[in-house]
C-alpha atoms as a PDB file:
ATOM      1  CA  MET A   1    -107.206 281.608 -75.868  1.00  0.00           C
ATOM      2  CA  LYS A   2    -103.708 279.886 -76.475  1.00  0.00           C
ATOM      3  CA  LYS A   3    -102.100 281.005 -79.834  1.00  0.00           C
ATOM      4  CA  VAL A   4    -100.990 278.318 -81.810  1.00  0.00           C
ATOM      5  CA  LYS A   5     -97.707 279.528 -83.459  1.00  0.00           C
ATOM      6  CA  ILE A   6     -97.668 278.419 -87.308  1.00  0.00           C
ATOM      7  CA  ASN A   7     -94.801 277.359 -89.077  1.00  0.00           C
ATOM      8  CA  LYS A   8     -94.814 278.667 -92.404  1.00  0.00           C
ATOM      9  CA  GLU A   9     -91.959 276.714 -93.629  1.00  0.00           C
ATOM     10  CA  ARG A  10     -93.445 273.465 -92.227  1.00  0.00           C
ATOM     11  CA  ILE A  11     -96.430 273.761 -93.864  1.00  0.00           C
ATOM     12  CA  ILE A  12     -94.683 274.337 -97.482  1.00  0.00           C
ATOM     13  CA  GLU A  13     -92.332 271.425 -96.303  1.00  0.00           C
ATOM     14  CA  ILE A  14     -95.784 269.258 -95.766  1.00  0.00           C
ATOM     15  CA  GLY A  15     -97.208 271.077 -99.078  1.00  0.00           C
ATOM     16  CA  PHE A  16     -94.478 269.776-100.916  1.00  0.00           C
ATOM     17  CA  VAL A  17     -94.635 266.147 -99.753  1.00  0.00           C
ATOM     18  CA  LEU A  18     -98.278 266.086-100.580  1.00  0.00           C
ATOM     19  CA  ILE A  19     -97.887 267.278-104.084  1.00  0.00           C
ATOM     20  CA  PHE A  20     -95.448 264.630-104.684  1.00  0.00           C
ATOM     21  CA  LEU A  21     -97.323 261.822-103.558  1.00  0.00           C
ATOM     22  CA  VAL A  22    -100.149 262.912-105.584  1.00  0.00           C
ATOM     23  CA  MET A  23     -98.265 263.011-108.719  1.00  0.00           C
ATOM     24  CA  MET A  24     -96.893 259.446-107.825  1.00  0.00           C
ATOM     25  CA  CYS A  25     -99.957 258.346-107.818  1.00  0.00           C
ATOM     26  CA  ILE A  26    -101.533 259.948-110.669  1.00  0.00           C
ATOM     27  CA  ASP A  27     -98.264 258.835-112.511  1.00  0.00           C
ATOM     28  CA  LEU A  28     -98.937 254.896-110.955  1.00  0.00           C
ATOM     29  CA  SER A  29    -102.517 255.166-112.193  1.00  0.00           C
ATOM     30  CA  MET A  30    -101.407 256.058-115.832  1.00  0.00           C
ATOM     31  CA  ARG A  31     -98.940 253.826-116.145  1.00  0.00           C
ATOM     32  CA  ILE A  32    -100.076 250.636-118.253  1.00  0.00           C
ATOM     33  CA  ASN A  33     -97.829 247.598-118.300  1.00  0.00           C
ATOM     34  CA  THR A  34     -99.629 245.853-121.739  1.00  0.00           C
ATOM     35  CA  ILE A  35    -100.976 247.342-125.063  1.00  0.00           C
ATOM     36  CA  LYS A  36    -103.553 245.206-126.635  1.00  0.00           C
ATOM     37  CA  ILE A  37    -103.656 246.338-130.523  1.00  0.00           C
ATOM     38  CA  GLY A  38    -106.656 245.128-132.549  1.00  0.00           C
ATOM     39  CA  VAL A  39    -106.665 244.823-136.213  1.00  0.00           C
ATOM     40  CA  VAL A  40    -109.273 243.125-138.791  1.00  0.00           C
ATOM     41  CA  ARG A  41    -107.733 240.302-140.372  1.00  0.00           C
ATOM     42  CA  GLY A  42    -106.959 241.025-143.861  1.00  0.00           C
ATOM     43  CA  ASP A  43    -107.210 244.729-143.730  1.00  0.00           C
ATOM     44  CA  ARG A  44    -103.651 245.152-143.491  1.00  0.00           C
ATOM     45  CA  ASP A  45    -100.391 242.997-144.049  1.00  0.00           C
ATOM     46  CA  GLU A  46     -99.580 240.525-141.039  1.00  0.00           C
ATOM     47  CA  SER A  47     -96.102 241.106-141.663  1.00  0.00           C
ATOM     48  CA  SER A  48     -96.351 244.864-141.413  1.00  0.00           C
ATOM     49  CA  ASN A  49     -98.739 244.164-138.353  1.00  0.00           C
ATOM     50  CA  SER A  50     -95.796 242.543-136.637  1.00  0.00           C
ATOM     51  CA  GLU A  51     -93.176 244.857-137.575  1.00  0.00           C
ATOM     52  CA  LEU A  52     -95.511 247.336-136.181  1.00  0.00           C
ATOM     53  CA  ARG A  53     -95.925 245.200-132.630  1.00  0.00           C
ATOM     54  CA  VAL A  54     -92.380 245.028-132.229  1.00  0.00           C
ATOM     55  CA  GLU A  55     -91.267 248.363-133.297  1.00  0.00           C
ATOM     56  CA  LEU A  56     -93.940 250.234-131.145  1.00  0.00           C
ATOM     57  CA  GLN A  57     -93.452 247.806-127.770  1.00  0.00           C
ATOM     58  CA  GLU A  58     -89.136 248.822-128.006  1.00  0.00           C
ATOM     59  CA  HIS A  59     -90.410 252.287-128.500  1.00  0.00           C
ATOM     60  CA  LEU A  60     -92.391 252.275-125.434  1.00  0.00           C
ATOM     61  CA  GLN A  61     -90.110 250.277-123.641  1.00  0.00           C
ATOM     62  CA  GLU A  62     -87.692 253.114-123.820  1.00  0.00           C
ATOM     63  CA  VAL A  63     -89.478 255.448-122.240  1.00  0.00           C
ATOM     64  CA  TYR A  64     -91.694 252.890-119.720  1.00  0.00           C
ATOM     65  CA  GLY A  65     -89.105 250.189-119.101  1.00  0.00           C
ATOM     66  CA  ASP A  66     -91.379 246.827-119.153  1.00  0.00           C
ATOM     67  CA  VAL A  67     -94.456 247.387-121.782  1.00  0.00           C
ATOM     68  CA  GLN A  68     -95.480 244.250-123.367  1.00  0.00           C
ATOM     69  CA  VAL A  69     -97.553 245.057-126.866  1.00  0.00           C
ATOM     70  CA  SER A  70     -99.722 242.137-128.118  1.00  0.00           C
ATOM     71  CA  LEU A  71    -101.545 241.755-131.474  1.00  0.00           C
ATOM     72  CA  HIS A  72    -105.118 240.610-131.616  1.00  0.00           C
ATOM     73  CA  TYR A  73    -107.372 239.387-134.586  1.00  0.00           C
ATOM     74  CA  TYR A  74    -111.009 240.379-135.299  1.00  0.00           C
ATOM     75  CA  GLY A  75    -113.179 238.695-138.091  1.00  0.00           C
ATOM     76  CA  ASP A  76    -114.762 241.934-138.646  1.00  0.00           C
ATOM     77  CA  ALA A  77    -114.743 245.625-137.578  1.00  0.00           C
ATOM     78  CA  SER A  78    -117.831 245.263-135.347  1.00  0.00           C
ATOM     79  CA  ALA A  79    -115.957 243.267-133.062  1.00  0.00           C
ATOM     80  CA  LEU A  80    -112.907 245.223-132.859  1.00  0.00           C
ATOM     81  CA  PHE A  81    -115.201 248.181-131.808  1.00  0.00           C
ATOM     82  CA  LYS A  82    -117.155 245.958-129.283  1.00  0.00           C
ATOM     83  CA  ALA A  83    -113.467 244.925-127.531  1.00  0.00           C
ATOM     84  CA  LEU A  84    -112.717 248.571-127.836  1.00  0.00           C
ATOM     85  CA  GLU A  85    -115.511 249.531-125.786  1.00  0.00           C
ATOM     86  CA  GLN A  86    -115.128 246.744-123.148  1.00  0.00           C
ATOM     87  CA  ASP A  87    -111.075 247.520-122.776  1.00  0.00           C
ATOM     88  CA  GLY A  88    -110.136 244.426-124.374  1.00  0.00           C
ATOM     89  CA  ILE A  89    -107.975 246.228-126.561  1.00  0.00           C
ATOM     90  CA  GLN A  90    -106.388 249.938-126.154  1.00  0.00           C
ATOM     91  CA  LEU A  91    -105.242 250.615-129.650  1.00  0.00           C
ATOM     92  CA  GLY A  92    -107.153 249.531-133.193  1.00  0.00           C
ATOM     93  CA  PHE A  93    -106.088 250.162-136.614  1.00  0.00           C
ATOM     94  CA  VAL A  94    -108.965 249.930-138.717  1.00  0.00           C
ATOM     95  CA  SER A  95    -110.229 251.129-142.236  1.00  0.00           C
ATOM     96  CA  GLY A  96    -111.614 254.929-142.417  1.00  0.00           C
ATOM     97  CA  VAL A  97    -114.855 253.029-144.111  1.00  0.00           C
ATOM     98  CA  ASP A  98    -115.270 250.835-141.023  1.00  0.00           C
ATOM     99  CA  TYR A  99    -114.589 253.799-138.422  1.00  0.00           C
ATOM    100  CA  ALA A 100    -117.025 256.041-140.305  1.00  0.00           C
ATOM    101  CA  LEU A 101    -119.572 252.857-140.497  1.00  0.00           C
ATOM    102  CA  TYR A 102    -118.724 251.057-136.913  1.00  0.00           C
ATOM    103  CA  GLY A 103    -116.874 253.115-134.682  1.00  0.00           C
ATOM    104  CA  GLU A 104    -118.746 256.707-134.115  1.00  0.00           C
ATOM    105  CA  ASP A 105    -118.302 255.895-130.135  1.00  0.00           C
ATOM    106  CA  SER A 106    -114.542 255.426-130.208  1.00  0.00           C
ATOM    107  CA  LYS A 107    -111.844 257.887-130.351  1.00  0.00           C
ATOM    108  CA  VAL A 108    -109.407 258.383-133.218  1.00  0.00           C
ATOM    109  CA  ILE A 109    -105.941 259.476-132.748  1.00  0.00           C
ATOM    110  CA  ALA A 110    -104.471 259.257-136.183  1.00  0.00           C
ATOM    111  CA  ALA A 111    -104.295 258.093-140.039  1.00  0.00           C
ATOM    112  CA  GLU A 112    -101.956 256.653-141.840  1.00  0.00           C
ATOM    113  CA  ASN A 113    -100.454 258.942-144.951  1.00  0.00           C
ATOM    114  CA  VAL A 114    -102.031 257.763-148.509  1.00  0.00           C
ATOM    115  CA  ILE A 115    -101.006 260.299-150.450  1.00  0.00           C
ATOM    116  CA  GLU A 116     -98.424 262.515-151.777  1.00  0.00           C
ATOM    117  CA  TYR A 117     -99.565 265.400-153.803  1.00  0.00           C
ATOM    118  CA  GLY A 118     -96.991 268.859-154.388  1.00  0.00           C
ATOM    119  CA  GLY A 119     -94.424 267.345-152.205  1.00  0.00           C
ATOM    120  CA  GLU A 120     -96.867 266.910-149.513  1.00  0.00           C
ATOM    121  CA  LYS A 121     -98.026 263.694-147.583  1.00  0.00           C
ATOM    122  CA  TYR A 122    -101.795 263.346-146.502  1.00  0.00           C
ATOM    123  CA  PRO A 123    -103.975 260.753-144.406  1.00  0.00           C
ATOM    124  CA  TYR A 124    -106.980 261.269-146.761  1.00  0.00           C
ATOM    125  CA  TYR A 125    -107.845 261.215-150.667  1.00  0.00           C
ATOM    126  CA  THR A 126    -110.746 262.987-152.614  1.00  0.00           C
ATOM    127  CA  ALA A 127    -112.720 262.021-155.696  1.00  0.00           C
ATOM    128  CA  ILE A 128    -112.732 264.322-158.346  1.00  0.00           C
ATOM    129  CA  LEU A 129    -114.862 264.926-161.854  1.00  0.00           C
ATOM    130  CA  LEU A 130    -112.951 265.629-165.052  1.00  0.00           C
ATOM    131  CA  GLU A 131    -114.180 267.251-168.299  1.00  0.00           C
ATOM    132  CA  LYS A 132    -112.506 267.128-171.541  1.00  0.00           C
ATOM    133  CA  SER A 133    -112.548 270.460-173.435  1.00  0.00           C
ATOM    134  CA  ASN A 134    -114.177 270.570-177.017  1.00  0.00           C
ATOM    135  CA  GLU A 135    -112.616 273.257-179.442  1.00  0.00           C
ATOM    136  CA  ASP A 136    -111.095 275.244-177.028  1.00  0.00           C
ATOM    137  CA  GLU A 137    -114.888 275.169-174.934  1.00  0.00           C
ATOM    138  CA  PHE A 138    -115.251 272.906-172.091  1.00  0.00           C
ATOM    139  CA  TYR A 139    -118.612 270.612-172.109  1.00  0.00           C
ATOM    140  CA  PHE A 140    -119.512 272.184-168.823  1.00  0.00           C
ATOM    141  CA  LYS A 141    -120.646 275.338-170.769  1.00  0.00           C
ATOM    142  CA  LYS A 142    -122.941 273.458-172.296  1.00  0.00           C
ATOM    143  CA  ASP A 143    -126.551 271.603-171.677  1.00  0.00           C
ATOM    144  CA  ILE A 144    -124.415 269.079-168.488  1.00  0.00           C
ATOM    145  CA  SER A 145    -127.320 266.850-168.931  1.00  0.00           C
ATOM    146  CA  SER A 146    -126.644 265.856-172.644  1.00  0.00           C
ATOM    147  CA  LEU A 147    -123.200 264.624-172.076  1.00  0.00           C
ATOM    148  CA  GLN A 148    -121.961 260.917-171.936  1.00  0.00           C
ATOM    149  CA  TYR A 149    -120.833 260.016-168.179  1.00  0.00           C
ATOM    150  CA  CYS A 150    -118.508 257.506-166.865  1.00  0.00           C
ATOM    151  CA  VAL A 151    -118.408 255.940-163.293  1.00  0.00           C
ATOM    152  CA  PHE A 152    -117.705 253.548-161.128  1.00  0.00           C
ATOM    153  CA  GLU A 153    -119.937 250.684-159.709  1.00  0.00           C
ATOM    154  CA  PRO A 154    -122.409 251.827-157.188  1.00  0.00           C
ATOM    155  CA  THR A 155    -120.175 250.911-153.839  1.00  0.00           C
ATOM    156  CA  SER A 156    -116.700 252.748-154.956  1.00  0.00           C
ATOM    157  CA  LEU A 157    -116.184 255.404-152.894  1.00  0.00           C
ATOM    158  CA  VAL A 158    -114.034 257.721-155.471  1.00  0.00           C
ATOM    159  CA  GLY A 159    -116.182 256.546-158.558  1.00  0.00           C
ATOM    160  CA  TYR A 160    -119.460 256.949-157.471  1.00  0.00           C
ATOM    161  CA  ILE A 161    -120.464 257.531-153.819  1.00  0.00           C
ATOM    162  CA  PHE A 162    -118.528 260.645-153.232  1.00  0.00           C
ATOM    163  CA  ILE A 163    -119.177 262.553-156.723  1.00  0.00           C
ATOM    164  CA  ARG A 164    -122.977 261.954-156.007  1.00  0.00           C
ATOM    165  CA  PRO A 165    -123.084 264.731-154.600  1.00  0.00           C
ATOM    166  CA  TYR A 166    -122.153 266.965-157.669  1.00  0.00           C
ATOM    167  CA  PHE A 167    -125.073 265.517-159.337  1.00  0.00           C
ATOM    168  CA  ASP A 168    -127.600 265.816-156.842  1.00  0.00           C
ATOM    169  CA  GLU A 169    -126.857 269.414-156.830  1.00  0.00           C
ATOM    170  CA  GLN A 170    -127.428 269.363-160.527  1.00  0.00           C
ATOM    171  CA  GLY A 171    -130.551 267.763-160.110  1.00  0.00           C
ATOM    172  CA  MET A 172    -129.427 264.645-161.979  1.00  0.00           C
ATOM    173  CA  SER A 173    -129.965 260.891-160.501  1.00  0.00           C
ATOM    174  CA  PHE A 174    -128.016 258.436-162.192  1.00  0.00           C
ATOM    175  CA  ALA A 175    -131.124 255.942-161.612  1.00  0.00           C
ATOM    176  CA  ASN A 176    -132.824 258.240-164.675  1.00  0.00           C
ATOM    177  CA  MET A 177    -129.892 258.976-166.750  1.00  0.00           C
ATOM    178  CA  SER A 178    -129.150 256.789-169.941  1.00  0.00           C
ATOM    179  CA  ASN A 179    -125.984 258.586-170.886  1.00  0.00           C
ATOM    180  CA  VAL A 180    -123.624 257.068-167.913  1.00  0.00           C
ATOM    181  CA  SER A 181    -121.240 254.163-168.389  1.00  0.00           C
ATOM    182  CA  VAL A 182    -119.627 251.990-166.023  1.00  0.00           C
ATOM    183  CA  ILE A 183    -116.438 251.691-165.881  1.00  0.00           C
ATOM    184  CA  ASP A 184    -113.590 249.733-164.000  1.00  0.00           C
ATOM    185  CA  SER A 185    -110.428 251.574-163.657  1.00  0.00           C
ATOM    186  CA  TYR A 186    -108.487 254.806-164.146  1.00  0.00           C
ATOM    187  CA  ASP A 187    -106.649 253.638-166.937  1.00  0.00           C
ATOM    188  CA  VAL A 188    -109.971 253.418-168.654  1.00  0.00           C
ATOM    189  CA  SER A 189    -111.605 256.849-167.403  1.00  0.00           C
ATOM    190  CA  ILE A 190    -108.515 258.715-168.592  1.00  0.00           C
ATOM    191  CA  GLU A 191    -108.875 256.393-171.915  1.00  0.00           C
ATOM    192  CA  SER A 192    -112.623 257.429-172.341  1.00  0.00           C
ATOM    193  CA  LEU A 193    -111.717 260.822-171.817  1.00  0.00           C
ATOM    194  CA  ALA A 194    -108.897 260.498-174.500  1.00  0.00           C
ATOM    195  CA  ASN A 195    -110.855 259.040-177.396  1.00  0.00           C
ATOM    196  CA  GLY A 196    -114.163 261.128-176.500  1.00  0.00           C
ATOM    197  CA  THR A 197    -116.337 257.776-175.254  1.00  0.00           C
ATOM    198  CA  CYS A 198    -116.945 259.849-172.015  1.00  0.00           C
ATOM    199  CA  ASP A 199    -117.162 263.715-171.937  1.00  0.00           C
ATOM    200  CA  VAL A 200    -117.191 263.546-167.888  1.00  0.00           C
ATOM    201  CA  SER A 201    -115.481 260.985-165.881  1.00  0.00           C
ATOM    202  CA  VAL A 202    -113.679 260.321-162.266  1.00  0.00           C
ATOM    203  CA  GLY A 203    -110.803 260.736-160.853  1.00  0.00           C
ATOM    204  CA  TYR A 204    -108.568 261.001-157.534  1.00  0.00           C
ATOM    205  CA  MET A 205    -106.583 264.236-156.428  1.00  0.00           C
ATOM    206  CA  GLY A 206    -102.903 263.517-158.551  1.00  0.00           C
ATOM    207  CA  ILE A 207    -104.521 262.010-161.198  1.00  0.00           C
ATOM    208  CA  LEU A 208    -103.583 264.750-164.063  1.00  0.00           C
ATOM    209  CA  GLU A 209     -99.674 264.258-162.411  1.00  0.00           C
ATOM    210  CA  ASP A 210    -100.045 260.431-162.687  1.00  0.00           C
ATOM    211  CA  TYR A 211    -101.279 260.339-166.602  1.00  0.00           C
ATOM    212  CA  SER A 212     -99.622 263.278-167.965  1.00  0.00           C
ATOM    213  CA  GLU A 213     -96.806 261.703-169.461  1.00  0.00           C
ATOM    214  CA  ILE A 214     -98.823 259.137-171.170  1.00  0.00           C
ATOM    215  CA  TRP A 215    -101.888 261.223-172.387  1.00  0.00           C
ATOM    216  CA  GLY A 216    -100.407 262.373-175.706  1.00  0.00           C
ATOM    217  CA  LEU A 217     -99.958 259.127-176.368  1.00  0.00           C
ATOM    218  CA  LEU A 218    -103.962 258.241-175.769  1.00  0.00           C
ATOM    219  CA  THR A 219    -104.404 261.309-178.232  1.00  0.00           C
ATOM    220  CA  GLU A 220    -101.866 260.597-180.646  1.00  0.00           C
ATOM    221  CA  GLU A 221    -101.063 264.300-180.644  1.00  0.00           C
ATOM    222  CA  ALA A 222     -98.788 266.154-178.468  1.00  0.00           C
ATOM    223  CA  SER A 223    -101.394 267.479-176.282  1.00  0.00           C
ATOM    224  CA  ASP A 224    -100.999 268.646-172.782  1.00  0.00           C
ATOM    225  CA  ILE A 225    -103.268 266.980-170.512  1.00  0.00           C
ATOM    226  CA  TYR A 226    -103.545 269.884-168.502  1.00  0.00           C
ATOM    227  CA  GLU A 227    -105.144 271.854-171.298  1.00  0.00           C
ATOM    228  CA  ASP A 228    -107.676 269.058-172.606  1.00  0.00           C
ATOM    229  CA  LEU A 229    -108.899 268.347-168.962  1.00  0.00           C
ATOM    230  CA  ARG A 230    -110.087 270.301-166.384  1.00  0.00           C
ATOM    231  CA  ILE A 231    -111.339 269.391-162.694  1.00  0.00           C
ATOM    232  CA  VAL A 232    -114.657 270.622-162.328  1.00  0.00           C
ATOM    233  CA  TYR A 233    -115.503 268.857-159.023  1.00  0.00           C
ATOM    234  CA  VAL A 234    -113.384 267.882-155.833  1.00  0.00           C
ATOM    235  CA  SER A 235    -115.427 265.587-152.969  1.00  0.00           C
ATOM    236  CA  ASP A 236    -114.701 266.335-149.552  1.00  0.00           C
ATOM    237  CA  LYS A 237    -111.888 264.330-148.097  1.00  0.00           C
ATOM    238  CA  ILE A 238    -111.821 260.034-147.979  1.00  0.00           C
ATOM    239  CA  TYR A 239    -110.017 258.840-145.040  1.00  0.00           C
ATOM    240  CA  SER A 240    -108.324 255.827-146.007  1.00  0.00           C
ATOM    241  CA  SER A 241    -107.749 254.547-142.505  1.00  0.00           C
ATOM    242  CA  SER A 242    -107.817 255.395-138.761  1.00  0.00           C
ATOM    243  CA  VAL A 243    -106.232 254.367-135.121  1.00  0.00           C
ATOM    244  CA  VAL A 244    -108.453 254.309-132.514  1.00  0.00           C
ATOM    245  CA  VAL A 245    -108.007 254.086-128.772  1.00  0.00           C
ATOM    246  CA  SER A 246    -109.990 252.889-126.026  1.00  0.00           C
ATOM    247  CA  SER A 247    -111.179 255.072-123.249  1.00  0.00           C
ATOM    248  CA  SER A 248    -108.469 253.878-120.638  1.00  0.00           C
ATOM    249  CA  LEU A 249    -105.847 255.165-123.074  1.00  0.00           C
ATOM    250  CA  GLU A 250    -107.865 258.249-124.286  1.00  0.00           C
ATOM    251  CA  HIS A 251    -106.191 260.696-121.549  1.00  0.00           C
ATOM    252  CA  ASN A 252    -102.918 258.665-120.764  1.00  0.00           C
ATOM    253  CA  ARG A 253     -99.965 260.041-121.325  1.00  0.00           C
ATOM    254  CA  VAL A 254     -98.976 256.827-123.178  1.00  0.00           C
ATOM    255  CA  THR A 255    -101.102 258.298-125.941  1.00  0.00           C
ATOM    256  CA  TYR A 256     -98.728 260.862-126.277  1.00  0.00           C
ATOM    257  CA  ASP A 257     -95.918 258.609-127.054  1.00  0.00           C
ATOM    258  CA  ILE A 258     -97.969 256.395-129.064  1.00  0.00           C
ATOM    259  CA  LEU A 259     -98.378 259.292-131.592  1.00  0.00           C
ATOM    260  CA  ARG A 260     -94.573 259.571-131.926  1.00  0.00           C
ATOM    261  CA  TYR A 261     -94.134 256.561-132.936  1.00  0.00           C
ATOM    262  CA  LEU A 262     -96.915 256.875-135.387  1.00  0.00           C
ATOM    263  CA  TYR A 263     -95.982 259.984-136.606  1.00  0.00           C
ATOM    264  CA  SER A 264     -92.481 258.682-137.291  1.00  0.00           C
ATOM    265  CA  LYS A 265     -94.022 255.827-139.294  1.00  0.00           C
ATOM    266  CA  ASP A 266     -95.476 257.680-141.749  1.00  0.00           C
ATOM    267  CA  TYR A 267     -99.027 258.445-140.259  1.00  0.00           C
ATOM    268  CA  SER A 268    -100.809 262.166-139.990  1.00  0.00           C
ATOM    269  CA  ASN A 269    -102.951 263.750-136.762  1.00  0.00           C
ATOM    270  CA  SER A 270    -106.163 262.728-137.387  1.00  0.00           C
ATOM    271  CA  LYS A 271    -109.913 262.964-135.526  1.00  0.00           C
ATOM    272  CA  SER A 272    -113.200 261.436-135.057  1.00  0.00           C
ATOM    273  CA  SER A 273    -114.812 264.538-136.596  1.00  0.00           C
ATOM    274  CA  ASP A 274    -113.175 264.419-140.035  1.00  0.00           C
ATOM    275  CA  TYR A 275    -115.321 261.008-140.356  1.00  0.00           C
ATOM    276  CA  THR A 276    -118.879 262.019-140.046  1.00  0.00           C
ATOM    277  CA  ILE A 277    -119.111 263.639-143.432  1.00  0.00           C
ATOM    278  CA  MET A 278    -117.845 259.814-144.652  1.00  0.00           C
ATOM    279  CA  ARG A 279    -120.523 258.350-142.629  1.00  0.00           C
ATOM    280  CA  GLU A 280    -123.519 260.675-143.690  1.00  0.00           C
ATOM    281  CA  GLN A 281    -122.625 259.854-147.489  1.00  0.00           C
ATOM    282  CA  ILE A 282    -121.908 256.175-147.511  1.00  0.00           C
ATOM    283  CA  TRP A 283    -125.132 256.063-145.408  1.00  0.00           C
ATOM    284  CA  LYS A 284    -126.877 258.402-147.890  1.00  0.00           C
ATOM    285  CA  VAL A 285    -125.868 256.169-150.971  1.00  0.00           C
ATOM    286  CA  LEU A 286    -125.680 252.819-149.388  1.00  0.00           C
ATOM    287  CA  GLY A 287    -128.340 252.966-146.899  1.00  0.00           C
ATOM    288  CA  ASN A 288    -127.365 253.310-142.479  1.00  0.00           C
ATOM    289  CA  THR A 289    -126.155 250.220-141.690  1.00  0.00           C
ATOM    290  CA  GLN A 290    -126.518 250.712-137.934  1.00  0.00           C
ATOM    291  CA  LYS A 291    -130.438 250.182-138.333  1.00  0.00           C
END
């Protein structure tokens, strides 16, 4: 049997050519010439949407050449997520609540920063409960069921939905409590704590800092808000926005360049699981909208 002489150099050369061709095919398959952005009409300022479209297009064109970015408006989040599922759009900007309620099957890649606290920016906020001191003792050391509570309307994330877990843990139900008042703003919340109308009221991350300068005016004495009020409960994170991608864009390298742009425009990293607790808590209080 005649032996076949193996030319190792030729094999290596052919191997490099095959790798090059495979990489070229992968590169071509991952190129996207058009990015369609979906937004819910009324969720965001339209001039901001237009600015985002233009800037993102310019950013992607620097990397990929002739890439076109277009804007598409939808009447509600349900329609937007349907378009995303069918690849009618590749990128969606929706509220955190809309994602929690309707976008469970879509992938989140980022969220807009909404809070600056302690010199850092965050893409989420939290609900808190504040209690007022009484003669150097805090009410929560006493019978908490006898206190006067101030909350927002039942549809409020911060003022109702996300503080509910605390009351559930204490075995207290708003429906059976006569000592609950409904207020409509954080100004009223702080004023009610200052004048003693409420023993416990609602707030948000950073509220003590925001009202520290006027606290003394509200109490009519030289008092310190950090000494007079104490945070007794902090809720889970509440994300106010989400940026979602279609399946065609999910594993595409274009996504990384989109993220580079978003991070430069005051967005932070976020993921789909960040909204799971939001979904569960909203459904628990308001009911499952998907039923």
